Amino acid sequence: MPKIEVNKVAEILKKNDISPAILRRIVEEMNLAVQPDPGEEDKPPAVKKQFVILVSDPDGRLPKHDFVGWVLQIPENESVVTTTDRIFRSAYDFNTTKKGRLLPVKTVGEAIENVPAKFFKEADVWVKSKTPVLMLKTDNEIPKE
């Protein structure tokens, strides 16, 4: 919807022989309407966030090196073991398209970063982080004070 300044509206109303008392009330009401709410100006900028994967490793099976991974979602009633197959199927479907034949994906990382969401949606997998995120491990214990 186009916006018009209060002064232009006042001029138009003057040209159409509106009484000065009514014109003054209308202009005052419009000026009040265009003023910003006092609470809106005080909001601090939104905090930028990042994803982190926290893995429980109470037995210390994972090596000490840093790992990266992706955050994905699959249907609740499906097995998590099928997740990689879903990604492979999405990559195969993408590679059969015109863009996929020009720039085929060859790794899981390339697939997650470059394959459009519609291919993943068809395979019932939703990518929550296209870029890999750091994975932290914990022994799943809270230390006593």
Protein backbone atom coordinates (compact mmCIF):
# COMPACT_ATOMS: atom_id res chain seq x y z
CA MET A 1 0.00 0.00 0.00
CA PRO A 2 1.48 3.38 -0.96
CA LYS A 3 2.32 5.80 1.84
CA ILE A 4 1.46 9.48 1.70
CA GLU A 5 2.78 12.25 3.93
CA VAL A 6 0.49 13.97 6.42
CA ASN A 7 1.17 17.38 4.86
CA LYS A 8 -0.08 16.23 1.45
CA VAL A 9 -3.26 14.83 2.99
CA ALA A 10 -3.84 18.16 4.79
CA GLU A 11 -3.45 20.07 1.49
CA ILE A 12 -5.92 17.77 -0.26
CA LEU A 13 -8.44 18.22 2.55
CA LYS A 14 -8.02 22.04 2.41
CA LYS A 15 -8.71 22.03 -1.34
CA ASN A 16 -11.95 20.15 -0.73
CA ASP A 17 -13.38 22.79 1.64
CA ILE A 18 -13.13 20.92 4.94
CA SER A 19 -13.81 23.19 7.93
CA PRO A 20 -10.66 24.31 9.78
CA ALA A 21 -11.71 22.70 13.09
CA ILE A 22 -12.27 19.28 11.49
CA LEU A 23 -9.08 19.65 9.43
CA ARG A 24 -7.05 20.39 12.56
CA ARG A 25 -8.46 17.32 14.39
CA ILE A 26 -7.77 15.05 11.41
CA VAL A 27 -4.18 16.30 11.02
CA GLU A 28 -3.51 15.91 14.77
CA GLU A 29 -4.88 12.36 14.72
CA MET A 30 -2.77 11.46 11.68
CA ASN A 31 0.36 12.88 13.34
CA LEU A 32 -0.31 10.71 16.38
CA ALA A 33 -0.82 7.66 14.15
CA VAL A 34 2.50 8.03 12.32
CA GLN A 35 4.60 8.45 15.47
CA PRO A 36 6.48 5.27 16.39
CA ASP A 37 5.52 3.42 19.57
CA PRO A 38 7.91 4.20 22.43
CA GLY A 39 8.65 0.50 23.12
CA GLU A 40 9.80 -0.24 19.56
CA GLU A 41 12.87 2.02 19.62
CA ASP A 42 14.39 0.51 22.76
CA LYS A 43 14.78 -3.05 21.46
CA PRO A 44 18.38 -4.24 21.32
CA PRO A 45 19.52 -5.94 18.10
CA ALA A 46 18.91 -9.67 17.88
CA VAL A 47 21.74 -11.92 19.03
CA LYS A 48 23.26 -14.01 16.24
CA LYS A 49 23.26 -17.69 17.07
CA GLN A 50 24.98 -20.80 15.84
CA PHE A 51 24.17 -24.50 16.03
CA VAL A 52 26.26 -26.90 18.09
CA ILE A 53 25.89 -30.68 18.32
CA LEU A 54 26.46 -32.01 21.84
CA VAL A 55 27.19 -35.74 21.95
CA SER A 56 27.10 -37.80 25.12
CA ASP A 57 30.29 -39.87 25.51
CA PRO A 58 30.35 -41.17 29.10
CA ASP A 59 32.67 -44.10 28.22
CA GLY A 60 35.20 -41.92 26.39
CA ARG A 61 34.86 -43.85 23.10
CA LEU A 62 35.22 -40.83 20.82
CA PRO A 63 38.75 -39.65 20.08
CA LYS A 64 39.99 -36.32 21.40
CA HIS A 65 39.87 -34.62 17.95
CA ASP A 66 37.29 -32.03 16.90
CA PHE A 67 34.41 -33.26 14.77
CA VAL A 68 31.94 -31.43 12.57
CA GLY A 69 28.47 -32.51 11.57
CA TRP A 70 25.12 -31.33 10.28
CA VAL A 71 21.84 -30.91 12.09
CA LEU A 72 19.07 -32.83 10.32
CA GLN A 73 15.49 -33.91 11.04
CA ILE A 74 13.65 -37.04 9.95
CA PRO A 75 10.15 -38.29 10.81
CA GLU A 76 9.81 -39.35 14.43
CA ASN A 77 8.63 -42.89 13.67
CA GLU A 78 11.53 -43.62 11.29
CA SER A 79 14.88 -45.18 12.18
CA VAL A 80 17.88 -42.83 12.32
CA VAL A 81 19.91 -45.46 10.46
CA THR A 82 18.01 -44.52 7.29
CA THR A 83 19.24 -40.90 7.39
CA THR A 84 22.30 -41.44 5.20
CA ASP A 85 20.23 -43.39 2.67
CA ARG A 86 17.79 -40.48 2.52
CA ILE A 87 20.68 -38.08 1.80
CA PHE A 88 22.06 -40.44 -0.88
CA ARG A 89 18.62 -40.68 -2.53
CA SER A 90 18.27 -36.88 -2.55
CA ALA A 91 21.75 -36.52 -4.08
CA TYR A 92 20.98 -39.13 -6.77
CA ASP A 93 17.72 -37.35 -7.65
CA PHE A 94 19.49 -33.98 -7.80
CA ASN A 95 22.28 -35.36 -10.01
CA THR A 96 19.68 -36.44 -12.60
CA THR A 97 18.48 -32.83 -13.07
CA LYS A 98 19.98 -30.38 -15.53
CA LYS A 99 21.81 -28.45 -12.79
CA GLY A 100 22.90 -31.71 -11.18
CA ARG A 101 24.41 -32.95 -14.44
CA LEU A 102 26.38 -29.69 -14.76
CA LEU A 103 27.53 -29.63 -11.13
CA PRO A 104 27.01 -33.09 -9.63
CA VAL A 105 27.43 -33.56 -5.89
CA LYS A 106 29.96 -36.24 -4.92
CA THR A 107 30.13 -36.07 -1.12
CA VAL A 108 27.60 -35.87 1.71
CA GLY A 109 28.89 -32.39 2.57
CA GLU A 110 28.39 -31.16 -1.00
CA ALA A 111 24.91 -32.68 -1.05
CA ILE A 112 23.82 -31.02 2.17
CA GLU A 113 25.22 -27.64 1.13
CA ASN A 114 24.14 -27.60 -2.54
CA VAL A 115 21.07 -29.79 -3.06
CA PRO A 116 17.82 -27.78 -2.87
CA ALA A 117 15.44 -28.51 0.01
CA LYS A 118 12.74 -29.96 -2.27
CA PHE A 119 14.90 -33.03 -2.97
CA PHE A 120 15.43 -33.62 0.75
CA LYS A 121 11.75 -33.07 1.48
CA GLU A 122 10.82 -35.80 -1.01
CA ALA A 123 13.09 -38.16 0.95
CA ASP A 124 11.60 -37.01 4.31
CA VAL A 125 14.76 -35.38 5.62
CA TRP A 126 15.06 -31.72 6.60
CA VAL A 127 18.44 -30.00 6.75
CA LYS A 128 18.66 -27.55 9.65
CA SER A 129 22.27 -26.47 9.07
CA LYS A 130 23.69 -26.36 5.56
CA THR A 131 27.19 -25.61 6.80
CA PRO A 132 28.87 -28.07 9.16
CA VAL A 133 28.81 -27.21 12.86
CA LEU A 134 31.27 -28.18 15.58
CA MET A 135 30.39 -31.23 17.66
CA LEU A 136 31.21 -31.21 21.36
CA LYS A 137 31.35 -34.25 23.58
CA THR A 138 30.42 -34.56 27.21
CA ASP A 139 30.74 -37.29 29.81
CA ASN A 140 27.09 -36.59 30.70
CA GLU A 141 28.00 -35.80 34.32
CA ILE A 142 27.56 -32.51 36.16
CA PRO A 143 30.53 -32.03 38.53
CA LYS A 144 29.83 -31.60 42.23
CA GLU A 145 30.60 -28.12 43.53
